[in-house]
Amino acid sequence: MKTILTAITEQHLTSVEAIGTALKAGTNCGSCRSAIRALLPEERRVAHG
């Protein structure tokens, strides 16, 4: 998870697709895509409102 959060910040990733391209996360079966989406800044902002 820390690797994904670091990549989001340092590479300015803004979508699950961008994270998949950069890290290959969520690109196999896709079952973790919702968890990855929850790590995105916009989703965290909405969740913590």
PDB file of N, CA and C in Angstrom:
ATOM      1  N   MET A   1       0.822  -1.189   0.000  1.00  0.00           N
ATOM      2  CA  MET A   1       0.000   0.000   0.000  1.00  0.00           C
ATOM      3  C   MET A   1       0.868   1.255   0.000  1.00  0.00           C
ATOM      4  N   LYS A   2       1.955   1.236   0.758  1.00  0.00           N
ATOM      5  CA  LYS A   2       2.825   2.415   0.797  1.00  0.00           C
ATOM      6  C   LYS A   2       3.406   2.723  -0.586  1.00  0.00           C
ATOM      7  N   THR A   3       3.723   1.703  -1.347  1.00  0.00           N
ATOM      8  CA  THR A   3       4.253   1.906  -2.697  1.00  0.00           C
ATOM      9  C   THR A   3       3.236   2.630  -3.569  1.00  0.00           C
ATOM     10  N   ILE A   4       1.982   2.233  -3.457  1.00  0.00           N
ATOM     11  CA  ILE A   4       0.932   2.875  -4.251  1.00  0.00           C
ATOM     12  C   ILE A   4       0.738   4.318  -3.810  1.00  0.00           C
ATOM     13  N   LEU A   5       0.677   4.560  -2.514  1.00  0.00           N
ATOM     14  CA  LEU A   5       0.504   5.934  -2.018  1.00  0.00           C
ATOM     15  C   LEU A   5       1.670   6.826  -2.432  1.00  0.00           C
ATOM     16  N   THR A   6       2.875   6.306  -2.369  1.00  0.00           N
ATOM     17  CA  THR A   6       4.050   7.072  -2.793  1.00  0.00           C
ATOM     18  C   THR A   6       3.957   7.396  -4.279  1.00  0.00           C
ATOM     19  N   ALA A   7       3.584   6.427  -5.082  1.00  0.00           N
ATOM     20  CA  ALA A   7       3.468   6.652  -6.529  1.00  0.00           C
ATOM     21  C   ALA A   7       2.376   7.674  -6.839  1.00  0.00           C
ATOM     22  N   ILE A   8       1.249   7.603  -6.143  1.00  0.00           N
ATOM     23  CA  ILE A   8       0.170   8.570  -6.349  1.00  0.00           C
ATOM     24  C   ILE A   8       0.701   9.982  -6.125  1.00  0.00           C
ATOM     25  N   THR A   9       1.439  10.159  -5.044  1.00  0.00           N
ATOM     26  CA  THR A   9       1.959  11.481  -4.694  1.00  0.00           C
ATOM     27  C   THR A   9       3.067  11.922  -5.643  1.00  0.00           C
ATOM     28  N   GLU A  10       4.063  11.090  -5.817  1.00  0.00           N
ATOM     29  CA  GLU A  10       5.245  11.487  -6.582  1.00  0.00           C
ATOM     30  C   GLU A  10       4.991  11.570  -8.088  1.00  0.00           C
ATOM     31  N   GLN A  11       4.112  10.708  -8.601  1.00  0.00           N
ATOM     32  CA  GLN A  11       3.854  10.678 -10.041  1.00  0.00           C
ATOM     33  C   GLN A  11       2.546  11.371 -10.403  1.00  0.00           C
ATOM     34  N   HIS A  12       1.882  11.929  -9.397  1.00  0.00           N
ATOM     35  CA  HIS A  12       0.616  12.651  -9.606  1.00  0.00           C
ATOM     36  C   HIS A  12      -0.414  11.785 -10.327  1.00  0.00           C
ATOM     37  N   LEU A  13      -0.548  10.547  -9.863  1.00  0.00           N
ATOM     38  CA  LEU A  13      -1.498   9.620 -10.466  1.00  0.00           C
ATOM     39  C   LEU A  13      -2.903   9.965  -9.988  1.00  0.00           C
ATOM     40  N   THR A  14      -3.858   9.947 -10.895  1.00  0.00           N
ATOM     41  CA  THR A  14      -5.203  10.389 -10.546  1.00  0.00           C
ATOM     42  C   THR A  14      -6.295   9.374 -10.854  1.00  0.00           C
ATOM     43  N   SER A  15      -5.915   8.183 -11.301  1.00  0.00           N
ATOM     44  CA  SER A  15      -6.929   7.179 -11.605  1.00  0.00           C
ATOM     45  C   SER A  15      -6.373   5.778 -11.356  1.00  0.00           C
ATOM     46  N   VAL A  16      -7.292   4.841 -11.220  1.00  0.00           N
ATOM     47  CA  VAL A  16      -6.887   3.445 -11.060  1.00  0.00           C
ATOM     48  C   VAL A  16      -6.126   2.989 -12.294  1.00  0.00           C
ATOM     49  N   GLU A  17      -6.544   3.460 -13.449  1.00  0.00           N
ATOM     50  CA  GLU A  17      -5.868   3.087 -14.693  1.00  0.00           C
ATOM     51  C   GLU A  17      -4.429   3.598 -14.712  1.00  0.00           C
ATOM     52  N   ALA A  18      -4.219   4.822 -14.253  1.00  0.00           N
ATOM     53  CA  ALA A  18      -2.863   5.382 -14.207  1.00  0.00           C
ATOM     54  C   ALA A  18      -1.986   4.601 -13.242  1.00  0.00           C
ATOM     55  N   ILE A  19      -2.552   4.201 -12.118  1.00  0.00           N
ATOM     56  CA  ILE A  19      -1.813   3.388 -11.150  1.00  0.00           C
ATOM     57  C   ILE A  19      -1.460   2.039 -11.783  1.00  0.00           C
ATOM     58  N   GLY A  20      -2.394   1.457 -12.505  1.00  0.00           N
ATOM     59  CA  GLY A  20      -2.129   0.188 -13.189  1.00  0.00           C
ATOM     60  C   GLY A  20      -1.009   0.304 -14.197  1.00  0.00           C
ATOM     61  N   THR A  21      -1.002   1.391 -14.942  1.00  0.00           N
ATOM     62  CA  THR A  21       0.052   1.607 -15.927  1.00  0.00           C
ATOM     63  C   THR A  21       1.406   1.780 -15.249  1.00  0.00           C
ATOM     64  N   ALA A  22       1.436   2.543 -14.177  1.00  0.00           N
ATOM     65  CA  ALA A  22       2.695   2.839 -13.492  1.00  0.00           C
ATOM     66  C   ALA A  22       3.221   1.656 -12.685  1.00  0.00           C
ATOM     67  N   LEU A  23       2.311   0.922 -12.025  1.00  0.00           N
ATOM     68  CA  LEU A  23       2.745  -0.106 -11.074  1.00  0.00           C
ATOM     69  C   LEU A  23       2.256  -1.516 -11.391  1.00  0.00           C
ATOM     70  N   LYS A  24       1.390  -1.638 -12.392  1.00  0.00           N
ATOM     71  CA  LYS A  24       0.761  -2.921 -12.732  1.00  0.00           C
ATOM     72  C   LYS A  24      -0.198  -3.390 -11.636  1.00  0.00           C
ATOM     73  N   ALA A  25      -0.552  -2.533 -10.700  1.00  0.00           N
ATOM     74  CA  ALA A  25      -1.496  -2.882  -9.643  1.00  0.00           C
ATOM     75  C   ALA A  25      -2.909  -2.855 -10.201  1.00  0.00           C
ATOM     76  N   GLY A  26      -3.683  -3.871  -9.885  1.00  0.00           N
ATOM     77  CA  GLY A  26      -5.061  -3.931 -10.336  1.00  0.00           C
ATOM     78  C   GLY A  26      -5.239  -4.296 -11.789  1.00  0.00           C
ATOM     79  N   THR A  27      -4.199  -4.806 -12.418  1.00  0.00           N
ATOM     80  CA  THR A  27      -4.294  -5.100 -13.851  1.00  0.00           C
ATOM     81  C   THR A  27      -4.460  -6.586 -14.158  1.00  0.00           C
ATOM     82  N   ASN A  28      -4.425  -7.426 -13.140  1.00  0.00           N
ATOM     83  CA  ASN A  28      -4.574  -8.854 -13.404  1.00  0.00           C
ATOM     84  C   ASN A  28      -6.045  -9.241 -13.341  1.00  0.00           C
ATOM     85  N   CYS A  29      -6.557  -9.560 -12.193  1.00  0.00           N
ATOM     86  CA  CYS A  29      -7.965  -9.969 -12.097  1.00  0.00           C
ATOM     87  C   CYS A  29      -8.876  -8.786 -11.798  1.00  0.00           C
ATOM     88  N   GLY A  30      -8.313  -7.702 -11.272  1.00  0.00           N
ATOM     89  CA  GLY A  30      -9.105  -6.501 -11.013  1.00  0.00           C
ATOM     90  C   GLY A  30      -9.832  -6.475  -9.692  1.00  0.00           C
ATOM     91  N   SER A  31      -9.709  -7.510  -8.883  1.00  0.00           N
ATOM     92  CA  SER A  31     -10.453  -7.563  -7.628  1.00  0.00           C
ATOM     93  C   SER A  31     -10.023  -6.494  -6.629  1.00  0.00           C
ATOM     94  N   CYS A  32      -8.828  -5.949  -6.763  1.00  0.00           N
ATOM     95  CA  CYS A  32      -8.341  -4.941  -5.822  1.00  0.00           C
ATOM     96  C   CYS A  32      -8.581  -3.506  -6.305  1.00  0.00           C
ATOM     97  N   ARG A  33      -9.209  -3.349  -7.453  1.00  0.00           N
ATOM     98  CA  ARG A  33      -9.396  -2.006  -8.024  1.00  0.00           C
ATOM     99  C   ARG A  33     -10.180  -1.076  -7.091  1.00  0.00           C
ATOM    100  N   SER A  34     -11.171  -1.578  -6.385  1.00  0.00           N
ATOM    101  CA  SER A  34     -11.928  -0.706  -5.477  1.00  0.00           C
ATOM    102  C   SER A  34     -11.055  -0.254  -4.314  1.00  0.00           C
ATOM    103  N   ALA A  35     -10.182  -1.120  -3.835  1.00  0.00           N
ATOM    104  CA  ALA A  35      -9.262  -0.741  -2.764  1.00  0.00           C
ATOM    105  C   ALA A  35      -8.256   0.294  -3.263  1.00  0.00           C
ATOM    106  N   ILE A  36      -7.781   0.123  -4.475  1.00  0.00           N
ATOM    107  CA  ILE A  36      -6.859   1.097  -5.070  1.00  0.00           C
ATOM    108  C   ILE A  36      -7.559   2.440  -5.240  1.00  0.00           C
ATOM    109  N   ARG A  37      -8.787   2.403  -5.727  1.00  0.00           N
ATOM    110  CA  ARG A  37      -9.558   3.640  -5.930  1.00  0.00           C
ATOM    111  C   ARG A  37      -9.691   4.416  -4.616  1.00  0.00           C
ATOM    112  N   ALA A  38      -9.867   3.705  -3.516  1.00  0.00           N
ATOM    113  CA  ALA A  38     -10.014   4.345  -2.208  1.00  0.00           C
ATOM    114  C   ALA A  38      -8.743   5.072  -1.765  1.00  0.00           C
ATOM    115  N   LEU A  39      -7.616   4.737  -2.364  1.00  0.00           N
ATOM    116  CA  LEU A  39      -6.351   5.387  -2.018  1.00  0.00           C
ATOM    117  C   LEU A  39      -6.144   6.711  -2.751  1.00  0.00           C
ATOM    118  N   LEU A  40      -6.916   6.941  -3.792  1.00  0.00           N
ATOM    119  CA  LEU A  40      -6.761   8.172  -4.568  1.00  0.00           C
ATOM    120  C   LEU A  40      -7.195   9.382  -3.748  1.00  0.00           C
ATOM    121  N   PRO A  41      -6.471  10.485  -3.862  1.00  0.00           N
ATOM    122  CA  PRO A  41      -6.766  11.681  -3.051  1.00  0.00           C
ATOM    123  C   PRO A  41      -8.222  12.141  -3.145  1.00  0.00           C
ATOM    124  N   GLU A  42      -8.801  12.151  -4.328  1.00  0.00           N
ATOM    125  CA  GLU A  42     -10.182  12.610  -4.485  1.00  0.00           C
ATOM    126  C   GLU A  42     -11.149  11.704  -3.721  1.00  0.00           C
ATOM    127  N   GLU A  43     -10.929  10.416  -3.763  1.00  0.00           N
ATOM    128  CA  GLU A  43     -11.783   9.482  -3.041  1.00  0.00           C
ATOM    129  C   GLU A  43     -11.613   9.632  -1.535  1.00  0.00           C
ATOM    130  N   ARG A  44     -10.391   9.845  -1.090  1.00  0.00           N
ATOM    131  CA  ARG A  44     -10.153  10.043   0.354  1.00  0.00           C
ATOM    132  C   ARG A  44     -10.817  11.324   0.803  1.00  0.00           C
ATOM    133  N   ARG A  45     -10.789  12.365  -0.021  1.00  0.00           N
ATOM    134  CA  ARG A  45     -11.400  13.653   0.330  1.00  0.00           C
ATOM    135  C   ARG A  45     -12.911  13.480   0.481  1.00  0.00           C
ATOM    136  N   VAL A  46     -13.536  12.754  -0.432  1.00  0.00           N
ATOM    137  CA  VAL A  46     -14.979  12.518  -0.371  1.00  0.00           C
ATOM    138  C   VAL A  46     -15.325  11.682   0.856  1.00  0.00           C
ATOM    139  N   ALA A  47     -14.540  10.658   1.122  1.00  0.00           N
ATOM    140  CA  ALA A  47     -14.819   9.767   2.244  1.00  0.00           C
ATOM    141  C   ALA A  47     -14.680  10.467   3.593  1.00  0.00           C
ATOM    142  N   HIS A  48     -13.762  11.420   3.682  1.00  0.00           N
ATOM    143  CA  HIS A  48     -13.510  12.111   4.951  1.00  0.00           C
ATOM    144  C   HIS A  48     -14.224  13.450   5.027  1.00  0.00           C
ATOM    145  N   GLY A  49     -14.897  13.789   3.952  1.00  0.00           N
ATOM    146  CA  GLY A  49     -15.686  14.913   3.769  1.00  0.00           C
ATOM    147  C   GLY A  49     -15.732  16.153   4.370  1.00  0.00           C
TER     148      GLY A  49
END
